[in-house]
Amino acid sequence: MHGFYFKCTNCFAEMTTKTDPQNKNYVVESGATRNFEPWRAEAEEVERERNRRKSQGMGDAMKSLENRTLDSKREIDILAALDEMKSRKSRHATVSVDSMLDALQRTAAEKVRYFVVVQI
């Protein structure tokens, strides 16, 4: 465990933190407040729920199987969402500025031709 001491560059107040290697985290001792990290609260809630279900299903084999099935389904859903995000990112990466400008110029030219034909 390591302690760190910082001074604020604006008011020169001292802030003290300690590392928490067991939880891969840090603890603010004095002089500061920790920012709210929504992903940390969500991860802790998922872990608590998993531990609760694990303790419930210890004696009941069927309940344990249901819990593992739910966990597997949740992981598959997360992986599917991650795959979707990766494919979206790769589709957006293949679009170049030049191709976008060419498409814009083509549509502008088509609109001009359409208005010329309509006016005649």
PDB file of N, CA and C in Angstrom:
ATOM      1  N   MET A   1       0.855  -1.174   0.000  1.00  0.00           N
ATOM      2  CA  MET A   1       0.000   0.000   0.000  1.00  0.00           C
ATOM      3  C   MET A   1       0.899   1.234   0.000  1.00  0.00           C
ATOM      4  N   HIS A   2       0.612   2.171  -0.907  1.00  0.00           N
ATOM      5  CA  HIS A   2       1.402   3.390  -1.030  1.00  0.00           C
ATOM      6  C   HIS A   2       0.518   4.600  -0.768  1.00  0.00           C
ATOM      7  N   GLY A   3       1.086   5.595  -0.132  1.00  0.00           N
ATOM      8  CA  GLY A   3       0.364   6.840   0.108  1.00  0.00           C
ATOM      9  C   GLY A   3       0.903   7.937  -0.794  1.00  0.00           C
ATOM     10  N   PHE A   4       0.019   8.775  -1.297  1.00  0.00           N
ATOM     11  CA  PHE A   4       0.416   9.883  -2.161  1.00  0.00           C
ATOM     12  C   PHE A   4      -0.097  11.189  -1.576  1.00  0.00           C
ATOM     13  N   TYR A   5       0.742  12.198  -1.626  1.00  0.00           N
ATOM     14  CA  TYR A   5       0.379  13.521  -1.131  1.00  0.00           C
ATOM     15  C   TYR A   5       0.488  14.499  -2.294  1.00  0.00           C
ATOM     16  N   PHE A   6      -0.588  15.245  -2.536  1.00  0.00           N
ATOM     17  CA  PHE A   6      -0.623  16.219  -3.624  1.00  0.00           C
ATOM     18  C   PHE A   6      -0.953  17.586  -3.056  1.00  0.00           C
ATOM     19  N   LYS A   7      -0.562  18.614  -3.787  1.00  0.00           N
ATOM     20  CA  LYS A   7      -0.979  19.973  -3.445  1.00  0.00           C
ATOM     21  C   LYS A   7      -1.747  20.529  -4.626  1.00  0.00           C
ATOM     22  N   CYS A   8      -2.867  21.176  -4.336  1.00  0.00           N
ATOM     23  CA  CYS A   8      -3.684  21.804  -5.365  1.00  0.00           C
ATOM     24  C   CYS A   8      -2.900  22.965  -5.968  1.00  0.00           C
ATOM     25  N   THR A   9      -2.938  23.072  -7.291  1.00  0.00           N
ATOM     26  CA  THR A   9      -2.192  24.153  -7.946  1.00  0.00           C
ATOM     27  C   THR A   9      -2.882  25.500  -7.794  1.00  0.00           C
ATOM     28  N   ASN A  10      -4.172  25.508  -7.447  1.00  0.00           N
ATOM     29  CA  ASN A  10      -4.903  26.769  -7.275  1.00  0.00           C
ATOM     30  C   ASN A  10      -4.835  27.297  -5.849  1.00  0.00           C
ATOM     31  N   CYS A  11      -5.145  26.417  -4.879  1.00  0.00           N
ATOM     32  CA  CYS A  11      -5.245  26.889  -3.492  1.00  0.00           C
ATOM     33  C   CYS A  11      -4.152  26.321  -2.587  1.00  0.00           C
ATOM     34  N   PHE A  12      -3.309  25.451  -3.105  1.00  0.00           N
ATOM     35  CA  PHE A  12      -2.209  24.840  -2.365  1.00  0.00           C
ATOM     36  C   PHE A  12      -2.675  23.999  -1.177  1.00  0.00           C
ATOM     37  N   ALA A  13      -3.920  23.515  -1.218  1.00  0.00           N
ATOM     38  CA  ALA A  13      -4.410  22.607  -0.178  1.00  0.00           C
ATOM     39  C   ALA A  13      -3.805  21.223  -0.421  1.00  0.00           C
ATOM     40  N   GLU A  14      -3.580  20.486   0.672  1.00  0.00           N
ATOM     41  CA  GLU A  14      -2.967  19.174   0.565  1.00  0.00           C
ATOM     42  C   GLU A  14      -4.040  18.097   0.447  1.00  0.00           C
ATOM     43  N   MET A  15      -3.820  17.144  -0.482  1.00  0.00           N
ATOM     44  CA  MET A  15      -4.721  16.005  -0.663  1.00  0.00           C
ATOM     45  C   MET A  15      -3.919  14.733  -0.437  1.00  0.00           C
ATOM     46  N   THR A  16      -4.534  13.768   0.233  1.00  0.00           N
ATOM     47  CA  THR A  16      -3.850  12.525   0.560  1.00  0.00           C
ATOM     48  C   THR A  16      -4.669  11.344   0.058  1.00  0.00           C
ATOM     49  N   THR A  17      -4.012  10.416  -0.658  1.00  0.00           N
ATOM     50  CA  THR A  17      -4.672   9.193  -1.117  1.00  0.00           C
ATOM     51  C   THR A  17      -3.785   8.004  -0.797  1.00  0.00           C
ATOM     52  N   LYS A  18      -4.411   6.838  -0.692  1.00  0.00           N
ATOM     53  CA  LYS A  18      -3.690   5.581  -0.494  1.00  0.00           C
ATOM     54  C   LYS A  18      -4.160   4.594  -1.549  1.00  0.00           C
ATOM     55  N   THR A  19      -3.246   3.770  -2.011  1.00  0.00           N
ATOM     56  CA  THR A  19      -3.632   2.730  -2.961  1.00  0.00           C
ATOM     57  C   THR A  19      -4.300   1.585  -2.209  1.00  0.00           C
ATOM     58  N   ASP A  20      -5.171   0.882  -2.915  1.00  0.00           N
ATOM     59  CA  ASP A  20      -5.868  -0.275  -2.362  1.00  0.00           C
ATOM     60  C   ASP A  20      -5.647  -1.443  -3.324  1.00  0.00           C
ATOM     61  N   PRO A  21      -4.491  -2.127  -3.233  1.00  0.00           N
ATOM     62  CA  PRO A  21      -4.173  -3.172  -4.212  1.00  0.00           C
ATOM     63  C   PRO A  21      -5.147  -4.345  -4.201  1.00  0.00           C
ATOM     64  N   GLN A  22      -5.745  -4.626  -3.069  1.00  0.00           N
ATOM     65  CA  GLN A  22      -6.670  -5.754  -2.982  1.00  0.00           C
ATOM     66  C   GLN A  22      -7.864  -5.542  -3.907  1.00  0.00           C
ATOM     67  N   ASN A  23      -8.386  -4.320  -3.972  1.00  0.00           N
ATOM     68  CA  ASN A  23      -9.531  -4.011  -4.828  1.00  0.00           C
ATOM     69  C   ASN A  23      -9.125  -3.306  -6.117  1.00  0.00           C
ATOM     70  N   LYS A  24      -7.822  -3.185  -6.360  1.00  0.00           N
ATOM     71  CA  LYS A  24      -7.299  -2.477  -7.535  1.00  0.00           C
ATOM     72  C   LYS A  24      -7.914  -1.092  -7.621  1.00  0.00           C
ATOM     73  N   ASN A  25      -7.736  -0.328  -6.569  1.00  0.00           N
ATOM     74  CA  ASN A  25      -8.418   0.941  -6.425  1.00  0.00           C
ATOM     75  C   ASN A  25      -7.559   1.876  -5.587  1.00  0.00           C
ATOM     76  N   TYR A  26      -8.118   3.001  -5.216  1.00  0.00           N
ATOM     77  CA  TYR A  26      -7.459   3.919  -4.297  1.00  0.00           C
ATOM     78  C   TYR A  26      -8.491   4.447  -3.310  1.00  0.00           C
ATOM     79  N   VAL A  27      -8.002   4.952  -2.177  1.00  0.00           N
ATOM     80  CA  VAL A  27      -8.857   5.493  -1.130  1.00  0.00           C
ATOM     81  C   VAL A  27      -8.395   6.916  -0.848  1.00  0.00           C
ATOM     82  N   VAL A  28      -9.334   7.866  -0.876  1.00  0.00           N
ATOM     83  CA  VAL A  28      -9.007   9.255  -0.552  1.00  0.00           C
ATOM     84  C   VAL A  28      -9.015   9.378   0.962  1.00  0.00           C
ATOM     85  N   GLU A  29      -7.892   9.818   1.533  1.00  0.00           N
ATOM     86  CA  GLU A  29      -7.810   9.970   2.986  1.00  0.00           C
ATOM     87  C   GLU A  29      -8.285  11.339   3.442  1.00  0.00           C
ATOM     88  N   SER A  30      -7.783  12.393   2.793  1.00  0.00           N
ATOM     89  CA  SER A  30      -8.180  13.730   3.230  1.00  0.00           C
ATOM     90  C   SER A  30      -7.945  14.741   2.116  1.00  0.00           C
ATOM     91  N   GLY A  31      -8.670  15.857   2.218  1.00  0.00           N
ATOM     92  CA  GLY A  31      -8.453  16.983   1.330  1.00  0.00           C
ATOM     93  C   GLY A  31      -9.122  16.907  -0.020  1.00  0.00           C
ATOM     94  N   ALA A  32      -9.828  15.828  -0.297  1.00  0.00           N
ATOM     95  CA  ALA A  32     -10.466  15.692  -1.612  1.00  0.00           C
ATOM     96  C   ALA A  32     -11.691  14.808  -1.490  1.00  0.00           C
ATOM     97  N   THR A  33     -12.505  14.826  -2.516  1.00  0.00           N
ATOM     98  CA  THR A  33     -13.630  13.893  -2.613  1.00  0.00           C
ATOM     99  C   THR A  33     -13.477  13.126  -3.912  1.00  0.00           C
ATOM    100  N   ARG A  34     -13.896  11.911  -3.896  1.00  0.00           N
ATOM    101  CA  ARG A  34     -13.769  11.053  -5.065  1.00  0.00           C
ATOM    102  C   ARG A  34     -14.889  11.348  -6.052  1.00  0.00           C
ATOM    103  N   ASN A  35     -14.562  11.384  -7.333  1.00  0.00           N
ATOM    104  CA  ASN A  35     -15.579  11.560  -8.366  1.00  0.00           C
ATOM    105  C   ASN A  35     -16.459  10.322  -8.422  1.00  0.00           C
ATOM    106  N   PHE A  36     -17.718  10.521  -8.785  1.00  0.00           N
ATOM    107  CA  PHE A  36     -18.629   9.397  -8.947  1.00  0.00           C
ATOM    108  C   PHE A  36     -18.282   8.670 -10.236  1.00  0.00           C
ATOM    109  N   GLU A  37     -18.089   7.367 -10.143  1.00  0.00           N
ATOM    110  CA  GLU A  37     -17.750   6.549 -11.305  1.00  0.00           C
ATOM    111  C   GLU A  37     -18.874   5.544 -11.516  1.00  0.00           C
ATOM    112  N   PRO A  38     -19.792   5.814 -12.449  1.00  0.00           N
ATOM    113  CA  PRO A  38     -20.961   4.942 -12.616  1.00  0.00           C
ATOM    114  C   PRO A  38     -20.594   3.519 -13.012  1.00  0.00           C
ATOM    115  N   TRP A  39     -19.514   3.333 -13.777  1.00  0.00           N
ATOM    116  CA  TRP A  39     -19.137   1.988 -14.174  1.00  0.00           C
ATOM    117  C   TRP A  39     -18.679   1.171 -12.977  1.00  0.00           C
ATOM    118  N   ARG A  40     -18.092   1.813 -11.993  1.00  0.00           N
ATOM    119  CA  ARG A  40     -17.644   1.096 -10.800  1.00  0.00           C
ATOM    120  C   ARG A  40     -18.848   0.617  -9.990  1.00  0.00           C
ATOM    121  N   ALA A  41     -19.847   1.474  -9.832  1.00  0.00           N
ATOM    122  CA  ALA A  41     -21.047   1.085  -9.085  1.00  0.00           C
ATOM    123  C   ALA A  41     -21.764  -0.054  -9.794  1.00  0.00           C
ATOM    124  N   GLU A  42     -21.820   0.014 -11.119  1.00  0.00           N
ATOM    125  CA  GLU A  42     -22.486  -1.038 -11.887  1.00  0.00           C
ATOM    126  C   GLU A  42     -21.734  -2.358 -11.760  1.00  0.00           C
ATOM    127  N   ALA A  43     -20.423  -2.313 -11.836  1.00  0.00           N
ATOM    128  CA  ALA A  43     -19.622  -3.533 -11.714  1.00  0.00           C
ATOM    129  C   ALA A  43     -19.768  -4.143 -10.324  1.00  0.00           C
ATOM    130  N   GLU A  44     -19.793  -3.298  -9.303  1.00  0.00           N
ATOM    131  CA  GLU A  44     -19.971  -3.798  -7.942  1.00  0.00           C
ATOM    132  C   GLU A  44     -21.347  -4.427  -7.765  1.00  0.00           C
ATOM    133  N   GLU A  45     -22.367  -3.825  -8.366  1.00  0.00           N
ATOM    134  CA  GLU A  45     -23.727  -4.369  -8.268  1.00  0.00           C
ATOM    135  C   GLU A  45     -23.812  -5.731  -8.958  1.00  0.00           C
ATOM    136  N   VAL A  46     -23.197  -5.852 -10.120  1.00  0.00           N
ATOM    137  CA  VAL A  46     -23.195  -7.132 -10.833  1.00  0.00           C
ATOM    138  C   VAL A  46     -22.477  -8.188 -10.008  1.00  0.00           C
ATOM    139  N   GLU A  47     -21.358  -7.815  -9.411  1.00  0.00           N
ATOM    140  CA  GLU A  47     -20.600  -8.764  -8.595  1.00  0.00           C
ATOM    141  C   GLU A  47     -21.392  -9.184  -7.353  1.00  0.00           C
ATOM    142  N   ARG A  48     -22.063  -8.224  -6.708  1.00  0.00           N
ATOM    143  CA  ARG A  48     -22.896  -8.565  -5.547  1.00  0.00           C
ATOM    144  C   ARG A  48     -24.020  -9.517  -5.940  1.00  0.00           C
ATOM    145  N   GLU A  49     -24.659  -9.239  -7.078  1.00  0.00           N
ATOM    146  CA  GLU A  49     -25.756 -10.096  -7.554  1.00  0.00           C
ATOM    147  C   GLU A  49     -25.238 -11.499  -7.860  1.00  0.00           C
ATOM    148  N   ARG A  50     -24.072 -11.578  -8.480  1.00  0.00           N
ATOM    149  CA  ARG A  50     -23.491 -12.879  -8.807  1.00  0.00           C
ATOM    150  C   ARG A  50     -23.165 -13.655  -7.526  1.00  0.00           C
ATOM    151  N   ASN A  51     -22.601 -12.980  -6.530  1.00  0.00           N
ATOM    152  CA  ASN A  51     -22.291 -13.641  -5.258  1.00  0.00           C
ATOM    153  C   ASN A  51     -23.558 -14.082  -4.539  1.00  0.00           C
ATOM    154  N   ARG A  52     -24.608 -13.253  -4.592  1.00  0.00           N
ATOM    155  CA  ARG A  52     -25.870 -13.610  -3.952  1.00  0.00           C
ATOM    156  C   ARG A  52     -26.466 -14.859  -4.600  1.00  0.00           C
ATOM    157  N   ARG A  53     -26.454 -14.882  -5.932  1.00  0.00           N
ATOM    158  CA  ARG A  53     -27.007 -16.046  -6.624  1.00  0.00           C
ATOM    159  C   ARG A  53     -26.161 -17.282  -6.379  1.00  0.00           C
ATOM    160  N   LYS A  54     -24.848 -17.087  -6.281  1.00  0.00           N
ATOM    161  CA  LYS A  54     -23.970 -18.224  -6.033  1.00  0.00           C
ATOM    162  C   LYS A  54     -24.250 -18.821  -4.657  1.00  0.00           C
ATOM    163  N   SER A  55     -24.458 -17.957  -3.650  1.00  0.00           N
ATOM    164  CA  SER A  55     -24.735 -18.457  -2.305  1.00  0.00           C
ATOM    165  C   SER A  55     -26.124 -19.083  -2.229  1.00  0.00           C
ATOM    166  N   GLN A  56     -27.085 -18.563  -2.996  1.00  0.00           N
ATOM    167  CA  GLN A  56     -28.430 -19.146  -3.017  1.00  0.00           C
ATOM    168  C   GLN A  56     -28.418 -20.528  -3.655  1.00  0.00           C
ATOM    169  N   GLY A  57     -27.663 -20.666  -4.717  1.00  0.00           N
ATOM    170  CA  GLY A  57     -27.710 -21.902  -5.483  1.00  0.00           C
ATOM    171  C   GLY A  57     -26.781 -22.988  -5.004  1.00  0.00           C
ATOM    172  N   MET A  58     -26.112 -22.792  -3.896  1.00  0.00           N
ATOM    173  CA  MET A  58     -25.168 -23.797  -3.421  1.00  0.00           C
ATOM    174  C   MET A  58     -25.845 -25.140  -3.161  1.00  0.00           C
ATOM    175  N   GLY A  59     -26.993 -25.141  -2.543  1.00  0.00           N
ATOM    176  CA  GLY A  59     -27.648 -26.394  -2.203  1.00  0.00           C
ATOM    177  C   GLY A  59     -28.553 -26.905  -3.306  1.00  0.00           C
ATOM    178  N   ASP A  60     -29.011 -26.043  -4.179  1.00  0.00           N
ATOM    179  CA  ASP A  60     -29.976 -26.413  -5.202  1.00  0.00           C
ATOM    180  C   ASP A  60     -29.278 -26.461  -6.561  1.00  0.00           C
ATOM    181  N   ALA A  61     -29.125 -27.667  -7.097  1.00  0.00           N
ATOM    182  CA  ALA A  61     -28.412 -27.837  -8.365  1.00  0.00           C
ATOM    183  C   ALA A  61     -29.162 -27.174  -9.518  1.00  0.00           C
ATOM    184  N   MET A  62     -30.486 -27.246  -9.508  1.00  0.00           N
ATOM    185  CA  MET A  62     -31.280 -26.657 -10.591  1.00  0.00           C
ATOM    186  C   MET A  62     -31.153 -25.132 -10.579  1.00  0.00           C
ATOM    187  N   LYS A  63     -31.194 -24.534  -9.400  1.00  0.00           N
ATOM    188  CA  LYS A  63     -31.058 -23.081  -9.280  1.00  0.00           C
ATOM    189  C   LYS A  63     -29.670 -22.651  -9.748  1.00  0.00           C
ATOM    190  N   SER A  64     -28.667 -23.445  -9.410  1.00  0.00           N
ATOM    191  CA  SER A  64     -27.302 -23.153  -9.830  1.00  0.00           C
ATOM    192  C   SER A  64     -27.191 -23.197 -11.353  1.00  0.00           C
ATOM    193  N   LEU A  65     -27.824 -24.184 -11.967  1.00  0.00           N
ATOM    194  CA  LEU A  65     -27.822 -24.293 -13.426  1.00  0.00           C
ATOM    195  C   LEU A  65     -28.526 -23.100 -14.065  1.00  0.00           C
ATOM    196  N   GLU A  66     -29.657 -22.683 -13.500  1.00  0.00           N
ATOM    197  CA  GLU A  66     -30.374 -21.510 -14.016  1.00  0.00           C
ATOM    198  C   GLU A  66     -29.505 -20.256 -13.928  1.00  0.00           C
ATOM    199  N   ASN A  67     -28.819 -20.098 -12.807  1.00  0.00           N
ATOM    200  CA  ASN A  67     -27.951 -18.931 -12.634  1.00  0.00           C
ATOM    201  C   ASN A  67     -26.812 -18.925 -13.651  1.00  0.00           C
ATOM    202  N   ARG A  68     -26.204 -20.080 -13.876  1.00  0.00           N
ATOM    203  CA  ARG A  68     -25.127 -20.149 -14.866  1.00  0.00           C
ATOM    204  C   ARG A  68     -25.658 -19.869 -16.267  1.00  0.00           C
ATOM    205  N   THR A  69     -26.859 -20.336 -16.565  1.00  0.00           N
ATOM    206  CA  THR A  69     -27.469 -20.072 -17.867  1.00  0.00           C
ATOM    207  C   THR A  69     -27.715 -18.582 -18.048  1.00  0.00           C
ATOM    208  N   LEU A  70     -28.229 -17.926 -17.011  1.00  0.00           N
ATOM    209  CA  LEU A  70     -28.455 -16.480 -17.089  1.00  0.00           C
ATOM    210  C   LEU A  70     -27.144 -15.721 -17.273  1.00  0.00           C
ATOM    211  N   ASP A  71     -26.105 -16.146 -16.553  1.00  0.00           N
ATOM    212  CA  ASP A  71     -24.795 -15.503 -16.706  1.00  0.00           C
ATOM    213  C   ASP A  71     -24.262 -15.676 -18.127  1.00  0.00           C
ATOM    214  N   SER A  72     -24.403 -16.879 -18.662  1.00  0.00           N
ATOM    215  CA  SER A  72     -23.931 -17.134 -20.028  1.00  0.00           C
ATOM    216  C   SER A  72     -24.694 -16.296 -21.037  1.00  0.00           C
ATOM    217  N   LYS A  73     -26.008 -16.193 -20.857  1.00  0.00           N
ATOM    218  CA  LYS A  73     -26.825 -15.392 -21.774  1.00  0.00           C
ATOM    219  C   LYS A  73     -26.421 -13.924 -21.709  1.00  0.00           C
ATOM    220  N   ARG A  74     -26.183 -13.430 -20.511  1.00  0.00           N
ATOM    221  CA  ARG A  74     -25.770 -12.033 -20.345  1.00  0.00           C
ATOM    222  C   ARG A  74     -24.424 -11.785 -21.033  1.00  0.00           C
ATOM    223  N   GLU A  75     -23.490 -12.719 -20.874  1.00  0.00           N
ATOM    224  CA  GLU A  75     -22.184 -12.565 -21.511  1.00  0.00           C
ATOM    225  C   GLU A  75     -22.297 -12.610 -23.030  1.00  0.00           C
ATOM    226  N   ILE A  76     -23.161 -13.482 -23.555  1.00  0.00           N
ATOM    227  CA  ILE A  76     -23.371 -13.560 -25.001  1.00  0.00           C
ATOM    228  C   ILE A  76     -23.963 -12.259 -25.518  1.00  0.00           C
ATOM    229  N   ASP A  77     -24.920 -11.690 -24.791  1.00  0.00           N
ATOM    230  CA  ASP A  77     -25.513 -10.410 -25.191  1.00  0.00           C
ATOM    231  C   ASP A  77     -24.471  -9.300 -25.209  1.00  0.00           C
ATOM    232  N   ILE A  78     -23.602  -9.289 -24.216  1.00  0.00           N
ATOM    233  CA  ILE A  78     -22.547  -8.273 -24.158  1.00  0.00           C
ATOM    234  C   ILE A  78     -21.595  -8.435 -25.335  1.00  0.00           C
ATOM    235  N   LEU A  79     -21.208  -9.676 -25.644  1.00  0.00           N
ATOM    236  CA  LEU A  79     -20.308  -9.918 -26.772  1.00  0.00           C
ATOM    237  C   LEU A  79     -20.961  -9.539 -28.099  1.00  0.00           C
ATOM    238  N   ALA A  80     -22.270  -9.801 -28.232  1.00  0.00           N
ATOM    239  CA  ALA A  80     -22.977  -9.424 -29.458  1.00  0.00           C
ATOM    240  C   ALA A  80     -23.010  -7.910 -29.618  1.00  0.00           C
ATOM    241  N   ALA A  81     -23.259  -7.196 -28.534  1.00  0.00           N
ATOM    242  CA  ALA A  81     -23.271  -5.731 -28.593  1.00  0.00           C
ATOM    243  C   ALA A  81     -21.882  -5.200 -28.937  1.00  0.00           C
ATOM    244  N   LEU A  82     -20.858  -5.812 -28.381  1.00  0.00           N
ATOM    245  CA  LEU A  82     -19.488  -5.400 -28.685  1.00  0.00           C
ATOM    246  C   LEU A  82     -19.158  -5.646 -30.157  1.00  0.00           C
ATOM    247  N   ASP A  83     -19.581  -6.795 -30.680  1.00  0.00           N
ATOM    248  CA  ASP A  83     -19.387  -7.091 -32.103  1.00  0.00           C
ATOM    249  C   ASP A  83     -20.074  -6.062 -32.985  1.00  0.00           C
ATOM    250  N   GLU A  84     -21.294  -5.704 -32.616  1.00  0.00           N
ATOM    251  CA  GLU A  84     -22.053  -4.706 -33.381  1.00  0.00           C
ATOM    252  C   GLU A  84     -21.327  -3.364 -33.380  1.00  0.00           C
ATOM    253  N   MET A  85     -20.802  -2.964 -32.225  1.00  0.00           N
ATOM    254  CA  MET A  85     -20.074  -1.694 -32.156  1.00  0.00           C
ATOM    255  C   MET A  85     -18.808  -1.739 -33.009  1.00  0.00           C
ATOM    256  N   LYS A  86     -18.104  -2.875 -33.000  1.00  0.00           N
ATOM    257  CA  LYS A  86     -16.896  -2.999 -33.816  1.00  0.00           C
ATOM    258  C   LYS A  86     -17.226  -2.918 -35.304  1.00  0.00           C
ATOM    259  N   SER A  87     -18.303  -3.589 -35.723  1.00  0.00           N
ATOM    260  CA  SER A  87     -18.660  -3.550 -37.143  1.00  0.00           C
ATOM    261  C   SER A  87     -19.098  -2.149 -37.555  1.00  0.00           C
ATOM    262  N   ARG A  88     -19.822  -1.449 -36.678  1.00  0.00           N
ATOM    263  CA  ARG A  88     -20.204  -0.066 -36.973  1.00  0.00           C
ATOM    264  C   ARG A  88     -18.979   0.817 -37.136  1.00  0.00           C
ATOM    265  N   LYS A  89     -18.030   0.627 -36.237  1.00  0.00           N
ATOM    266  CA  LYS A  89     -16.816   1.432 -36.291  1.00  0.00           C
ATOM    267  C   LYS A  89     -16.055   1.159 -37.580  1.00  0.00           C
ATOM    268  N   SER A  90     -15.976  -0.100 -37.989  1.00  0.00           N
ATOM    269  CA  SER A  90     -15.249  -0.421 -39.220  1.00  0.00           C
ATOM    270  C   SER A  90     -15.973   0.128 -40.444  1.00  0.00           C
ATOM    271  N   ARG A  91     -17.312   0.132 -40.426  1.00  0.00           N
ATOM    272  CA  ARG A  91     -18.061   0.717 -41.551  1.00  0.00           C
ATOM    273  C   ARG A  91     -17.802   2.206 -41.638  1.00  0.00           C
ATOM    274  N   HIS A  92     -17.779   2.885 -40.500  1.00  0.00           N
ATOM    275  CA  HIS A  92     -17.530   4.327 -40.498  1.00  0.00           C
ATOM    276  C   HIS A  92     -16.090   4.633 -40.903  1.00  0.00           C
ATOM    277  N   ALA A  93     -15.176   3.736 -40.590  1.00  0.00           N
ATOM    278  CA  ALA A  93     -13.773   3.964 -40.929  1.00  0.00           C
ATOM    279  C   ALA A  93     -13.535   3.839 -42.429  1.00  0.00           C
ATOM    280  N   THR A  94     -14.373   3.044 -43.130  1.00  0.00           N
ATOM    281  CA  THR A  94     -14.169   2.855 -44.567  1.00  0.00           C
ATOM    282  C   THR A  94     -14.681   4.034 -45.386  1.00  0.00           C
ATOM    283  N   VAL A  95     -15.506   4.882 -44.814  1.00  0.00           N
ATOM    284  CA  VAL A  95     -16.019   6.044 -45.531  1.00  0.00           C
ATOM    285  C   VAL A  95     -14.941   7.121 -45.529  1.00  0.00           C
ATOM    286  N   SER A  96     -14.545   7.547 -46.740  1.00  0.00           N
ATOM    287  CA  SER A  96     -13.507   8.576 -46.826  1.00  0.00           C
ATOM    288  C   SER A  96     -14.138   9.927 -47.133  1.00  0.00           C
ATOM    289  N   VAL A  97     -13.390  10.962 -46.898  1.00  0.00           N
ATOM    290  CA  VAL A  97     -13.865  12.323 -47.147  1.00  0.00           C
ATOM    291  C   VAL A  97     -14.085  12.524 -48.641  1.00  0.00           C
ATOM    292  N   ASP A  98     -13.183  11.991 -49.458  1.00  0.00           N
ATOM    293  CA  ASP A  98     -13.307  12.161 -50.907  1.00  0.00           C
ATOM    294  C   ASP A  98     -14.583  11.522 -51.440  1.00  0.00           C
ATOM    295  N   SER A  99     -14.897  10.306 -50.972  1.00  0.00           N
ATOM    296  CA  SER A  99     -16.117   9.650 -51.448  1.00  0.00           C
ATOM    297  C   SER A  99     -17.362  10.408 -50.993  1.00  0.00           C
ATOM    298  N   MET A 100     -17.321  10.965 -49.789  1.00  0.00           N
ATOM    299  CA  MET A 100     -18.459  11.764 -49.319  1.00  0.00           C
ATOM    300  C   MET A 100     -18.633  13.012 -50.173  1.00  0.00           C
ATOM    301  N   LEU A 101     -17.536  13.695 -50.514  1.00  0.00           N
ATOM    302  CA  LEU A 101     -17.615  14.892 -51.349  1.00  0.00           C
ATOM    303  C   LEU A 101     -18.111  14.554 -52.752  1.00  0.00           C
ATOM    304  N   ASP A 102     -17.644  13.428 -53.311  1.00  0.00           N
ATOM    305  CA  ASP A 102     -18.114  13.006 -54.633  1.00  0.00           C
ATOM    306  C   ASP A 102     -19.614  12.748 -54.616  1.00  0.00           C
ATOM    307  N   ALA A 103     -20.099  12.057 -53.590  1.00  0.00           N
ATOM    308  CA  ALA A 103     -21.529  11.771 -53.488  1.00  0.00           C
ATOM    309  C   ALA A 103     -22.324  13.058 -53.345  1.00  0.00           C
ATOM    310  N   LEU A 104     -21.833  13.994 -52.575  1.00  0.00           N
ATOM    311  CA  LEU A 104     -22.511  15.275 -52.396  1.00  0.00           C
ATOM    312  C   LEU A 104     -22.561  16.052 -53.706  1.00  0.00           C
ATOM    313  N   GLN A 105     -21.467  16.054 -54.453  1.00  0.00           N
ATOM    314  CA  GLN A 105     -21.439  16.745 -55.738  1.00  0.00           C
ATOM    315  C   GLN A 105     -22.391  16.089 -56.738  1.00  0.00           C
ATOM    316  N   ARG A 106     -22.469  14.758 -56.743  1.00  0.00           N
ATOM    317  CA  ARG A 106     -23.398  14.060 -57.648  1.00  0.00           C
ATOM    318  C   ARG A 106     -24.839  14.419 -57.333  1.00  0.00           C
ATOM    319  N   THR A 107     -25.195  14.424 -56.050  1.00  0.00           N
ATOM    320  CA  THR A 107     -26.583  14.760 -55.699  1.00  0.00           C
ATOM    321  C   THR A 107     -26.891  16.212 -56.027  1.00  0.00           C
ATOM    322  N   ALA A 108     -25.924  17.099 -55.847  1.00  0.00           N
ATOM    323  CA  ALA A 108     -26.144  18.507 -56.199  1.00  0.00           C
ATOM    324  C   ALA A 108     -26.333  18.648 -57.703  1.00  0.00           C
ATOM    325  N   ALA A 109     -25.540  17.930 -58.491  1.00  0.00           N
ATOM    326  CA  ALA A 109     -25.674  17.987 -59.952  1.00  0.00           C
ATOM    327  C   ALA A 109     -27.018  17.420 -60.392  1.00  0.00           C
ATOM    328  N   GLU A 110     -27.474  16.341 -59.751  1.00  0.00           N
ATOM    329  CA  GLU A 110     -28.780  15.763 -60.093  1.00  0.00           C
ATOM    330  C   GLU A 110     -29.907  16.733 -59.772  1.00  0.00           C
ATOM    331  N   LYS A 111     -29.806  17.437 -58.662  1.00  0.00           N
ATOM    332  CA  LYS A 111     -30.832  18.422 -58.302  1.00  0.00           C
ATOM    333  C   LYS A 111     -30.864  19.550 -59.321  1.00  0.00           C
ATOM    334  N   VAL A 112     -29.690  20.004 -59.755  1.00  0.00           N
ATOM    335  CA  VAL A 112     -29.633  21.073 -60.759  1.00  0.00           C
ATOM    336  C   VAL A 112     -30.273  20.597 -62.051  1.00  0.00           C
ATOM    337  N   ARG A 113     -29.950  19.373 -62.495  1.00  0.00           N
ATOM    338  CA  ARG A 113     -30.551  18.825 -63.716  1.00  0.00           C
ATOM    339  C   ARG A 113     -32.061  18.708 -63.564  1.00  0.00           C
ATOM    340  N   TYR A 114     -32.522  18.281 -62.405  1.00  0.00           N
ATOM    341  CA  TYR A 114     -33.957  18.129 -62.173  1.00  0.00           C
ATOM    342  C   TYR A 114     -34.658  19.479 -62.274  1.00  0.00           C
ATOM    343  N   PHE A 115     -34.095  20.510 -61.655  1.00  0.00           N
ATOM    344  CA  PHE A 115     -34.723  21.833 -61.697  1.00  0.00           C
ATOM    345  C   PHE A 115     -34.700  22.416 -63.108  1.00  0.00           C
ATOM    346  N   VAL A 116     -33.646  22.144 -63.873  1.00  0.00           N
ATOM    347  CA  VAL A 116     -33.578  22.626 -65.255  1.00  0.00           C
ATOM    348  C   VAL A 116     -34.659  21.951 -66.083  1.00  0.00           C
ATOM    349  N   VAL A 117     -34.844  20.634 -65.907  1.00  0.00           N
ATOM    350  CA  VAL A 117     -35.864  19.893 -66.652  1.00  0.00           C
ATOM    351  C   VAL A 117     -37.252  20.364 -66.252  1.00  0.00           C
ATOM    352  N   VAL A 118     -37.481  20.609 -64.986  1.00  0.00           N
ATOM    353  CA  VAL A 118     -38.793  21.047 -64.502  1.00  0.00           C
ATOM    354  C   VAL A 118     -39.120  22.428 -65.050  1.00  0.00           C
ATOM    355  N   GLN A 119     -38.141  23.309 -65.151  1.00  0.00           N
ATOM    356  CA  GLN A 119     -38.384  24.665 -65.640  1.00  0.00           C
ATOM    357  C   GLN A 119     -38.649  24.682 -67.136  1.00  0.00           C
ATOM    358  N   ILE A 120     -38.137  23.745 -67.876  1.00  0.00           N
ATOM    359  CA  ILE A 120     -38.354  23.721 -69.329  1.00  0.00           C
ATOM    360  C   ILE A 120     -39.685  23.178 -69.611  1.00  0.00           C
TER     361      ILE A 120
END
